[in-house]
């Protein structure tokens, strides 16, 4: 499969089964990211463990579809990825712990209450993807009012005035966290 990607770089989307023969864990995904970093890669797997899904995203997946997903979910997820978005199953989101990189980018002198909560981080990531409040609410299974409350808190904590500035701040945070 890797040879096919090397021979033809015109793929619009790559669907990757984690159980591909000859690959161990996420090695094939990592190799694909090295060979074609701009092509969206959606992982399709029977493994629906949250840590595996998160590991796939950490390796550069732009989507993760359980093999048991209904046709409507698969169709919507692929359309989202093809339009430049990222499909993250709700099962992959762990709201009980902070994202690993948050501790690395937080200034040690920053009071704990000024850091974004885990839920606010998820909202911020979706803002950075250009999602509106309704779409964020659907993705995270929240009410639109709750999303608006999170957005207001995010803008205040990041000391920015609008969603575009928040998205830019999110990208800076993510880039800085990847560099450390």
N, C-alpha and C. Protein backbone atom coordinates (compact mmCIF):
# COMPACT_ATOMS: atom_id res chain seq x y z
N UNK A 1 0.81 -1.19 0.00
CA UNK A 1 0.00 0.00 0.00
C UNK A 1 0.86 1.26 0.00
N UNK A 2 1.92 1.26 0.78
CA UNK A 2 2.79 2.44 0.82
C UNK A 2 3.40 2.72 -0.55
N UNK A 3 3.68 1.66 -1.28
CA UNK A 3 4.24 1.84 -2.63
C UNK A 3 3.23 2.56 -3.52
N UNK A 4 1.95 2.24 -3.38
CA UNK A 4 0.92 2.89 -4.19
C UNK A 4 0.89 4.39 -3.91
N UNK A 5 1.08 4.77 -2.65
CA UNK A 5 1.09 6.20 -2.29
C UNK A 5 2.33 6.87 -2.86
N UNK A 6 3.46 6.18 -2.83
CA UNK A 6 4.69 6.76 -3.38
C UNK A 6 4.61 6.91 -4.89
N UNK A 7 3.94 5.96 -5.56
CA UNK A 7 3.85 5.98 -7.01
C UNK A 7 2.83 6.99 -7.51
N UNK A 8 1.83 7.30 -6.71
CA UNK A 8 0.75 8.19 -7.13
C UNK A 8 0.36 9.08 -5.96
N UNK A 9 0.71 10.36 -6.06
CA UNK A 9 0.44 11.27 -4.94
C UNK A 9 -0.86 12.06 -5.15
N UNK A 10 -1.77 11.55 -5.97
CA UNK A 10 -2.98 12.29 -6.27
C UNK A 10 -4.20 11.81 -5.47
N UNK A 11 -3.98 11.10 -4.39
CA UNK A 11 -5.10 10.62 -3.58
C UNK A 11 -5.78 11.79 -2.89
N UNK A 12 -7.12 11.78 -2.89
CA UNK A 12 -7.89 12.79 -2.17
C UNK A 12 -8.12 12.38 -0.73
N UNK A 13 -8.12 11.08 -0.49
CA UNK A 13 -8.41 10.53 0.83
C UNK A 13 -7.84 9.12 0.89
N UNK A 14 -7.33 8.76 2.05
CA UNK A 14 -6.85 7.39 2.27
C UNK A 14 -7.65 6.80 3.42
N UNK A 15 -8.23 5.61 3.18
CA UNK A 15 -8.91 4.86 4.23
C UNK A 15 -7.95 3.77 4.67
N UNK A 16 -7.64 3.72 5.93
CA UNK A 16 -6.63 2.80 6.45
C UNK A 16 -7.21 1.89 7.51
N UNK A 17 -7.10 0.60 7.28
CA UNK A 17 -7.49 -0.40 8.27
C UNK A 17 -6.27 -0.68 9.14
N UNK A 18 -6.41 -0.55 10.44
CA UNK A 18 -5.28 -0.77 11.34
C UNK A 18 -4.81 -2.23 11.35
N UNK A 19 -5.66 -3.13 10.88
CA UNK A 19 -5.30 -4.55 10.87
C UNK A 19 -4.65 -4.97 9.55
N UNK A 20 -4.08 -4.03 8.82
CA UNK A 20 -3.46 -4.33 7.54
C UNK A 20 -2.27 -5.28 7.76
N UNK A 21 -2.16 -6.32 6.95
CA UNK A 21 -1.05 -7.27 7.13
C UNK A 21 0.32 -6.58 6.99
N UNK A 22 1.23 -6.95 7.87
CA UNK A 22 2.59 -6.41 7.81
C UNK A 22 2.79 -5.14 8.61
N UNK A 23 1.74 -4.59 9.16
CA UNK A 23 1.86 -3.36 9.96
C UNK A 23 1.61 -3.70 11.42
N UNK A 24 2.35 -3.05 12.28
CA UNK A 24 2.12 -3.25 13.70
C UNK A 24 1.68 -1.93 14.33
N UNK A 25 0.64 -2.02 15.11
CA UNK A 25 0.07 -0.86 15.78
C UNK A 25 -0.23 0.24 14.76
N UNK A 26 0.38 1.39 14.92
CA UNK A 26 0.10 2.52 14.05
C UNK A 26 1.25 2.81 13.08
N UNK A 27 2.10 1.82 12.86
CA UNK A 27 3.28 2.05 12.01
C UNK A 27 2.91 2.43 10.59
N UNK A 28 1.86 1.84 10.05
CA UNK A 28 1.45 2.17 8.68
C UNK A 28 0.94 3.61 8.60
N UNK A 29 0.19 4.04 9.60
CA UNK A 29 -0.30 5.41 9.64
C UNK A 29 0.87 6.39 9.72
N UNK A 30 1.84 6.08 10.56
CA UNK A 30 3.02 6.95 10.68
C UNK A 30 3.78 7.02 9.35
N UNK A 31 3.92 5.90 8.68
CA UNK A 31 4.61 5.87 7.39
C UNK A 31 3.83 6.67 6.34
N UNK A 32 2.51 6.55 6.35
CA UNK A 32 1.69 7.32 5.42
C UNK A 32 1.84 8.82 5.67
N UNK A 33 1.85 9.21 6.93
CA UNK A 33 2.00 10.64 7.26
C UNK A 33 3.33 11.18 6.76
N UNK A 34 4.37 10.36 6.83
CA UNK A 34 5.68 10.80 6.34
C UNK A 34 5.68 10.94 4.82
N UNK A 35 5.02 10.03 4.13
CA UNK A 35 5.03 10.03 2.67
C UNK A 35 4.05 11.03 2.06
N UNK A 36 2.93 11.23 2.70
CA UNK A 36 1.89 12.11 2.17
C UNK A 36 1.23 12.89 3.30
N UNK A 37 1.93 13.89 3.81
CA UNK A 37 1.44 14.60 5.00
C UNK A 37 0.17 15.42 4.78
N UNK A 38 -0.17 15.75 3.55
CA UNK A 38 -1.33 16.60 3.31
C UNK A 38 -2.59 15.82 2.96
N UNK A 39 -2.46 14.55 2.65
CA UNK A 39 -3.62 13.74 2.29
C UNK A 39 -4.35 13.29 3.55
N UNK A 40 -5.65 13.54 3.63
CA UNK A 40 -6.40 13.09 4.81
C UNK A 40 -6.38 11.56 4.90
N UNK A 41 -6.17 11.06 6.12
CA UNK A 41 -6.17 9.61 6.36
C UNK A 41 -7.22 9.32 7.43
N UNK A 42 -8.20 8.51 7.05
CA UNK A 42 -9.24 8.09 7.98
C UNK A 42 -8.96 6.64 8.35
N UNK A 43 -8.82 6.38 9.63
CA UNK A 43 -8.59 5.03 10.13
C UNK A 43 -9.94 4.34 10.28
N UNK A 44 -10.00 3.11 9.79
CA UNK A 44 -11.18 2.28 9.96
C UNK A 44 -10.72 1.07 10.76
N UNK A 45 -11.38 0.82 11.89
CA UNK A 45 -10.90 -0.25 12.76
C UNK A 45 -12.02 -0.86 13.57
N UNK A 46 -11.83 -2.09 13.92
CA UNK A 46 -12.72 -2.76 14.85
C UNK A 46 -12.39 -2.41 16.28
N UNK A 47 -11.22 -1.80 16.50
CA UNK A 47 -10.77 -1.41 17.83
C UNK A 47 -11.42 -0.07 18.19
N UNK A 48 -12.28 -0.08 19.18
CA UNK A 48 -12.96 1.16 19.56
C UNK A 48 -12.53 1.65 20.94
N UNK A 49 -11.32 1.26 21.34
CA UNK A 49 -10.79 1.73 22.62
C UNK A 49 -10.35 3.18 22.47
N UNK A 50 -10.71 4.00 23.42
CA UNK A 50 -10.43 5.44 23.36
C UNK A 50 -8.94 5.71 23.21
N UNK A 51 -8.09 4.97 23.93
CA UNK A 51 -6.65 5.25 23.85
C UNK A 51 -6.10 4.94 22.45
N UNK A 52 -6.65 3.95 21.77
CA UNK A 52 -6.21 3.64 20.41
C UNK A 52 -6.64 4.75 19.46
N UNK A 53 -7.87 5.22 19.63
CA UNK A 53 -8.35 6.32 18.77
C UNK A 53 -7.50 7.57 18.97
N UNK A 54 -7.23 7.90 20.22
CA UNK A 54 -6.41 9.09 20.50
C UNK A 54 -5.00 8.92 19.94
N UNK A 55 -4.45 7.72 20.04
CA UNK A 55 -3.11 7.46 19.49
C UNK A 55 -3.11 7.66 17.98
N UNK A 56 -4.18 7.24 17.32
CA UNK A 56 -4.27 7.44 15.87
C UNK A 56 -4.28 8.93 15.52
N UNK A 57 -5.01 9.71 16.30
CA UNK A 57 -5.03 11.16 16.05
C UNK A 57 -3.66 11.78 16.34
N UNK A 58 -2.99 11.30 17.37
CA UNK A 58 -1.65 11.80 17.67
C UNK A 58 -0.66 11.48 16.55
N UNK A 59 -0.94 10.41 15.79
CA UNK A 59 -0.08 10.03 14.66
C UNK A 59 -0.50 10.71 13.36
N UNK A 60 -1.54 11.52 13.41
CA UNK A 60 -1.91 12.29 12.23
C UNK A 60 -3.18 11.87 11.51
N UNK A 61 -3.97 10.98 12.08
CA UNK A 61 -5.24 10.61 11.43
C UNK A 61 -6.16 11.83 11.41
N UNK A 62 -6.95 11.94 10.36
CA UNK A 62 -7.93 13.02 10.27
C UNK A 62 -9.34 12.51 10.54
N UNK A 63 -9.44 11.24 10.84
CA UNK A 63 -10.72 10.65 11.20
C UNK A 63 -10.50 9.25 11.72
N UNK A 64 -11.47 8.76 12.47
CA UNK A 64 -11.41 7.40 13.00
C UNK A 64 -12.82 6.85 12.97
N UNK A 65 -13.01 5.80 12.19
CA UNK A 65 -14.33 5.19 12.06
C UNK A 65 -14.32 3.76 12.58
N UNK A 66 -15.14 3.48 13.58
CA UNK A 66 -15.29 2.09 13.99
C UNK A 66 -15.96 1.31 12.86
N UNK A 67 -15.55 0.07 12.65
CA UNK A 67 -16.15 -0.75 11.60
C UNK A 67 -17.64 -0.96 11.83
N UNK A 68 -18.06 -0.82 13.06
CA UNK A 68 -19.47 -1.02 13.39
C UNK A 68 -20.31 0.24 13.20
N UNK A 69 -19.70 1.34 12.74
CA UNK A 69 -20.43 2.59 12.58
C UNK A 69 -21.53 2.45 11.53
N UNK A 70 -22.69 3.05 11.79
CA UNK A 70 -23.77 3.01 10.81
C UNK A 70 -23.39 3.77 9.53
N UNK A 71 -24.03 3.40 8.44
CA UNK A 71 -23.74 3.99 7.13
C UNK A 71 -23.86 5.53 7.17
N UNK A 72 -24.86 6.05 7.85
CA UNK A 72 -25.05 7.51 7.91
C UNK A 72 -23.87 8.19 8.59
N UNK A 73 -23.33 7.59 9.63
CA UNK A 73 -22.16 8.15 10.33
C UNK A 73 -20.95 8.11 9.41
N UNK A 74 -20.75 6.99 8.74
CA UNK A 74 -19.61 6.85 7.83
C UNK A 74 -19.68 7.90 6.74
N UNK A 75 -20.86 8.05 6.13
CA UNK A 75 -21.04 9.04 5.07
C UNK A 75 -20.76 10.45 5.57
N UNK A 76 -21.33 10.81 6.71
CA UNK A 76 -21.12 12.15 7.28
C UNK A 76 -19.66 12.38 7.63
N UNK A 77 -19.03 11.39 8.22
CA UNK A 77 -17.63 11.52 8.63
C UNK A 77 -16.74 11.73 7.42
N UNK A 78 -16.95 10.95 6.38
CA UNK A 78 -16.12 11.09 5.18
C UNK A 78 -16.36 12.43 4.49
N UNK A 79 -17.60 12.90 4.48
CA UNK A 79 -17.88 14.22 3.91
C UNK A 79 -17.19 15.31 4.71
N UNK A 80 -17.21 15.17 6.03
CA UNK A 80 -16.55 16.16 6.89
C UNK A 80 -15.05 16.20 6.61
N UNK A 81 -14.42 15.04 6.56
CA UNK A 81 -12.98 14.98 6.31
C UNK A 81 -12.65 15.52 4.92
N UNK A 82 -13.46 15.17 3.92
CA UNK A 82 -13.20 15.64 2.56
C UNK A 82 -13.37 17.16 2.44
N UNK A 83 -14.15 17.76 3.34
CA UNK A 83 -14.32 19.21 3.30
C UNK A 83 -13.30 19.93 4.18
N UNK A 84 -12.30 19.17 4.68
CA UNK A 84 -11.23 19.79 5.45
C UNK A 84 -11.36 19.66 6.95
N UNK A 85 -12.40 18.99 7.42
CA UNK A 85 -12.61 18.83 8.85
C UNK A 85 -11.95 17.57 9.38
N UNK A 86 -12.17 17.33 10.66
CA UNK A 86 -11.64 16.15 11.33
C UNK A 86 -12.82 15.46 11.99
N UNK A 87 -12.94 14.14 11.78
CA UNK A 87 -14.01 13.39 12.44
C UNK A 87 -13.44 12.67 13.64
N UNK A 88 -13.95 13.04 14.81
CA UNK A 88 -13.52 12.41 16.06
C UNK A 88 -14.74 11.78 16.71
N UNK A 89 -14.76 10.45 16.84
CA UNK A 89 -15.89 9.83 17.54
C UNK A 89 -15.93 10.30 18.99
N UNK A 90 -17.11 10.48 19.50
CA UNK A 90 -17.26 10.95 20.87
C UNK A 90 -16.54 10.03 21.85
N UNK A 91 -16.47 8.74 21.53
CA UNK A 91 -15.79 7.78 22.41
C UNK A 91 -14.30 8.08 22.55
N UNK A 92 -13.72 8.81 21.59
CA UNK A 92 -12.30 9.12 21.64
C UNK A 92 -12.01 10.30 22.55
N UNK A 93 -13.04 11.04 22.90
CA UNK A 93 -12.85 12.23 23.72
C UNK A 93 -12.95 11.84 25.18
N UNK A 94 -11.91 12.10 25.91
CA UNK A 94 -11.87 11.79 27.33
C UNK A 94 -12.00 13.10 28.09
N UNK A 95 -13.17 13.37 28.60
CA UNK A 95 -13.41 14.62 29.30
C UNK A 95 -12.98 14.57 30.77
N UNK A 96 -12.48 13.42 31.21
CA UNK A 96 -12.11 13.29 32.62
C UNK A 96 -10.68 13.74 32.89
N UNK A 97 -9.88 13.88 31.83
CA UNK A 97 -8.51 14.31 32.02
C UNK A 97 -8.18 15.44 31.05
N UNK A 98 -7.16 16.20 31.39
CA UNK A 98 -6.72 17.27 30.51
C UNK A 98 -5.97 16.69 29.32
N UNK A 99 -6.00 17.36 28.17
CA UNK A 99 -5.16 16.94 27.08
C UNK A 99 -3.70 16.94 27.53
N UNK A 100 -2.94 15.95 27.09
CA UNK A 100 -1.54 15.78 27.51
C UNK A 100 -0.71 17.04 27.32
N UNK A 101 -0.94 17.77 26.23
CA UNK A 101 -0.09 18.92 25.92
C UNK A 101 -0.45 20.15 26.73
N UNK A 102 -1.61 20.18 27.38
CA UNK A 102 -2.02 21.38 28.10
C UNK A 102 -1.04 21.73 29.21
N UNK A 103 -0.57 20.74 29.93
CA UNK A 103 0.38 21.00 31.00
C UNK A 103 1.71 21.53 30.50
N UNK A 104 2.10 21.13 29.28
CA UNK A 104 3.38 21.59 28.73
C UNK A 104 3.32 23.04 28.28
N UNK A 105 2.13 23.51 27.83
CA UNK A 105 2.06 24.87 27.31
C UNK A 105 1.60 25.87 28.36
N UNK A 106 1.12 25.37 29.48
CA UNK A 106 0.66 26.28 30.52
C UNK A 106 1.86 26.94 31.20
N UNK A 107 1.79 28.23 31.32
CA UNK A 107 2.83 28.98 32.01
C UNK A 107 2.75 28.64 33.48
N UNK A 108 3.85 28.30 34.07
CA UNK A 108 3.85 27.88 35.49
C UNK A 108 3.32 28.98 36.41
N UNK A 109 3.41 30.24 35.97
CA UNK A 109 2.92 31.33 36.81
C UNK A 109 1.44 31.62 36.56
N UNK A 110 0.84 30.91 35.60
CA UNK A 110 -0.56 31.12 35.31
C UNK A 110 -1.42 30.48 36.40
N UNK A 111 -2.30 31.25 37.00
CA UNK A 111 -3.18 30.64 38.01
C UNK A 111 -4.02 29.53 37.38
N UNK A 112 -4.24 28.50 38.15
CA UNK A 112 -4.98 27.33 37.65
C UNK A 112 -6.33 27.72 37.06
N UNK A 113 -7.01 28.70 37.66
CA UNK A 113 -8.34 29.07 37.19
C UNK A 113 -8.31 29.76 35.82
N UNK A 114 -7.14 30.23 35.37
CA UNK A 114 -7.04 30.87 34.07
C UNK A 114 -6.77 29.88 32.94
N UNK A 115 -6.47 28.62 33.28
CA UNK A 115 -6.28 27.61 32.25
C UNK A 115 -7.63 27.17 31.71
N UNK A 116 -7.65 26.75 30.46
CA UNK A 116 -8.88 26.24 29.88
C UNK A 116 -9.19 24.87 30.45
N UNK A 117 -10.47 24.63 30.67
CA UNK A 117 -10.88 23.30 31.10
C UNK A 117 -10.77 22.33 29.93
N UNK A 118 -10.87 21.07 30.23
CA UNK A 118 -10.81 20.05 29.17
C UNK A 118 -11.92 20.28 28.16
N UNK A 119 -13.11 20.52 28.62
CA UNK A 119 -14.24 20.74 27.71
C UNK A 119 -14.00 21.99 26.87
N UNK A 120 -13.46 23.05 27.49
CA UNK A 120 -13.16 24.26 26.73
C UNK A 120 -12.09 23.99 25.67
N UNK A 121 -11.14 23.11 25.97
CA UNK A 121 -10.13 22.75 24.98
C UNK A 121 -10.76 22.07 23.77
N UNK A 122 -11.73 21.18 24.01
CA UNK A 122 -12.41 20.52 22.89
C UNK A 122 -13.19 21.55 22.07
N UNK A 123 -13.86 22.48 22.73
CA UNK A 123 -14.60 23.53 22.03
C UNK A 123 -13.62 24.37 21.21
N UNK A 124 -12.48 24.72 21.81
CA UNK A 124 -11.49 25.54 21.12
C UNK A 124 -10.95 24.83 19.89
N UNK A 125 -10.70 23.54 19.99
CA UNK A 125 -10.23 22.79 18.82
C UNK A 125 -11.24 22.84 17.69
N UNK A 126 -12.51 22.73 18.03
CA UNK A 126 -13.55 22.78 17.00
C UNK A 126 -13.71 24.19 16.43
N UNK A 127 -13.52 25.20 17.26
CA UNK A 127 -13.51 26.58 16.76
C UNK A 127 -12.38 26.74 15.75
N UNK A 128 -11.21 26.19 16.09
CA UNK A 128 -10.04 26.29 15.20
C UNK A 128 -10.27 25.57 13.88
N UNK A 129 -11.20 24.61 13.86
CA UNK A 129 -11.55 23.92 12.63
C UNK A 129 -12.63 24.67 11.85
N UNK A 130 -13.06 25.81 12.38
CA UNK A 130 -14.05 26.63 11.69
C UNK A 130 -15.49 26.24 11.97
N UNK A 131 -15.72 25.46 13.00
CA UNK A 131 -17.07 24.99 13.32
C UNK A 131 -17.86 26.10 14.03
N UNK A 132 -19.15 26.18 13.72
CA UNK A 132 -20.05 27.10 14.39
C UNK A 132 -20.58 26.49 15.67
N UNK A 133 -21.28 27.29 16.45
CA UNK A 133 -21.79 26.82 17.74
C UNK A 133 -22.73 25.62 17.60
N UNK A 134 -23.61 25.65 16.59
CA UNK A 134 -24.55 24.53 16.41
C UNK A 134 -23.80 23.23 16.12
N UNK A 135 -22.80 23.31 15.25
CA UNK A 135 -22.04 22.11 14.91
C UNK A 135 -21.22 21.62 16.10
N UNK A 136 -20.66 22.54 16.86
CA UNK A 136 -19.92 22.17 18.06
C UNK A 136 -20.86 21.49 19.05
N UNK A 137 -22.04 22.05 19.21
CA UNK A 137 -23.03 21.47 20.13
C UNK A 137 -23.38 20.04 19.72
N UNK A 138 -23.59 19.82 18.42
CA UNK A 138 -23.91 18.47 17.94
C UNK A 138 -22.73 17.52 18.16
N UNK A 139 -21.52 17.98 17.82
CA UNK A 139 -20.34 17.13 17.93
C UNK A 139 -20.08 16.69 19.36
N UNK A 140 -20.24 17.62 20.30
CA UNK A 140 -19.92 17.33 21.70
C UNK A 140 -21.15 16.96 22.54
N UNK A 141 -22.30 16.85 21.89
CA UNK A 141 -23.55 16.51 22.58
C UNK A 141 -23.83 17.50 23.72
N UNK A 142 -23.75 18.78 23.38
CA UNK A 142 -24.03 19.85 24.33
C UNK A 142 -25.16 20.71 23.79
N UNK A 143 -25.74 21.53 24.64
CA UNK A 143 -26.71 22.50 24.14
C UNK A 143 -25.94 23.67 23.54
N UNK A 144 -26.60 24.38 22.64
CA UNK A 144 -25.95 25.53 22.02
C UNK A 144 -25.65 26.62 23.05
N UNK A 145 -26.48 26.74 24.06
CA UNK A 145 -26.26 27.72 25.13
C UNK A 145 -24.98 27.38 25.90
N UNK A 146 -24.78 26.09 26.17
CA UNK A 146 -23.56 25.66 26.86
C UNK A 146 -22.33 25.96 26.02
N UNK A 147 -22.43 25.73 24.73
CA UNK A 147 -21.30 26.04 23.84
C UNK A 147 -21.01 27.54 23.88
N UNK A 148 -22.04 28.38 23.84
CA UNK A 148 -21.85 29.83 23.90
C UNK A 148 -21.16 30.23 25.20
N UNK A 149 -21.53 29.57 26.29
CA UNK A 149 -20.90 29.84 27.58
C UNK A 149 -19.41 29.48 27.54
N UNK A 150 -19.11 28.31 26.95
CA UNK A 150 -17.70 27.91 26.81
C UNK A 150 -16.93 28.88 25.93
N UNK A 151 -17.53 29.30 24.82
CA UNK A 151 -16.85 30.23 23.91
C UNK A 151 -16.55 31.54 24.63
N UNK A 152 -17.50 32.05 25.38
CA UNK A 152 -17.28 33.29 26.13
C UNK A 152 -16.13 33.13 27.11
N UNK A 153 -16.09 32.01 27.83
CA UNK A 153 -15.02 31.76 28.79
C UNK A 153 -13.67 31.62 28.08
N UNK A 154 -13.66 30.96 26.93
CA UNK A 154 -12.42 30.78 26.16
C UNK A 154 -11.87 32.13 25.72
N UNK A 155 -12.74 32.98 25.17
CA UNK A 155 -12.30 34.31 24.71
C UNK A 155 -11.71 35.10 25.88
N UNK A 156 -12.37 35.02 27.03
CA UNK A 156 -11.89 35.76 28.21
C UNK A 156 -10.54 35.22 28.68
N UNK A 157 -10.42 33.90 28.78
CA UNK A 157 -9.18 33.30 29.29
C UNK A 157 -8.01 33.50 28.33
N UNK A 158 -8.29 33.48 27.02
CA UNK A 158 -7.22 33.68 26.04
C UNK A 158 -6.94 35.16 25.79
N UNK A 159 -7.78 36.01 26.38
CA UNK A 159 -7.66 37.46 26.21
C UNK A 159 -7.70 37.85 24.74
N UNK A 160 -8.72 37.30 24.05
CA UNK A 160 -8.95 37.63 22.64
C UNK A 160 -10.38 38.14 22.51
N UNK A 161 -10.65 38.78 21.36
CA UNK A 161 -11.95 39.42 21.19
C UNK A 161 -12.94 38.64 20.34
N UNK A 162 -12.44 37.70 19.52
CA UNK A 162 -13.36 36.99 18.64
C UNK A 162 -12.87 35.57 18.36
N UNK A 163 -13.70 34.82 17.62
CA UNK A 163 -13.43 33.42 17.34
C UNK A 163 -12.19 33.24 16.46
N UNK A 164 -11.97 34.16 15.55
CA UNK A 164 -10.80 34.06 14.68
C UNK A 164 -9.53 34.17 15.51
N UNK A 165 -9.49 35.13 16.41
CA UNK A 165 -8.33 35.27 17.28
C UNK A 165 -8.17 34.05 18.18
N UNK A 166 -9.28 33.49 18.63
CA UNK A 166 -9.23 32.27 19.46
C UNK A 166 -8.67 31.11 18.65
N UNK A 167 -9.11 30.99 17.40
CA UNK A 167 -8.61 29.91 16.53
C UNK A 167 -7.11 30.06 16.30
N UNK A 168 -6.66 31.28 16.08
CA UNK A 168 -5.22 31.52 15.90
C UNK A 168 -4.46 31.17 17.18
N UNK A 169 -5.01 31.54 18.33
CA UNK A 169 -4.37 31.20 19.60
C UNK A 169 -4.32 29.69 19.78
N UNK A 170 -5.38 29.00 19.38
CA UNK A 170 -5.41 27.54 19.50
C UNK A 170 -4.32 26.92 18.63
N UNK A 171 -4.18 27.40 17.41
CA UNK A 171 -3.15 26.86 16.52
C UNK A 171 -1.76 27.11 17.09
N UNK A 172 -1.56 28.30 17.68
CA UNK A 172 -0.27 28.59 18.32
C UNK A 172 -0.02 27.64 19.48
N UNK A 173 -1.05 27.42 20.31
CA UNK A 173 -0.89 26.51 21.44
C UNK A 173 -0.54 25.11 20.97
N UNK A 174 -1.24 24.64 19.94
CA UNK A 174 -1.01 23.29 19.43
C UNK A 174 0.39 23.18 18.82
N UNK A 175 0.81 24.20 18.07
CA UNK A 175 2.15 24.17 17.47
C UNK A 175 3.22 24.20 18.56
N UNK A 176 3.02 25.04 19.56
CA UNK A 176 4.00 25.12 20.65
C UNK A 176 4.06 23.81 21.43
N UNK A 177 2.91 23.16 21.60
CA UNK A 177 2.91 21.92 22.35
C UNK A 177 3.57 20.81 21.56
N UNK A 178 3.45 20.83 20.23
CA UNK A 178 4.10 19.82 19.41
C UNK A 178 5.61 20.02 19.39
N UNK A 179 6.06 21.25 19.58
CA UNK A 179 7.50 21.54 19.54
C UNK A 179 8.19 21.15 20.83
N UNK A 180 7.42 20.97 21.92
CA UNK A 180 8.06 20.64 23.21
C UNK A 180 8.06 19.17 23.45
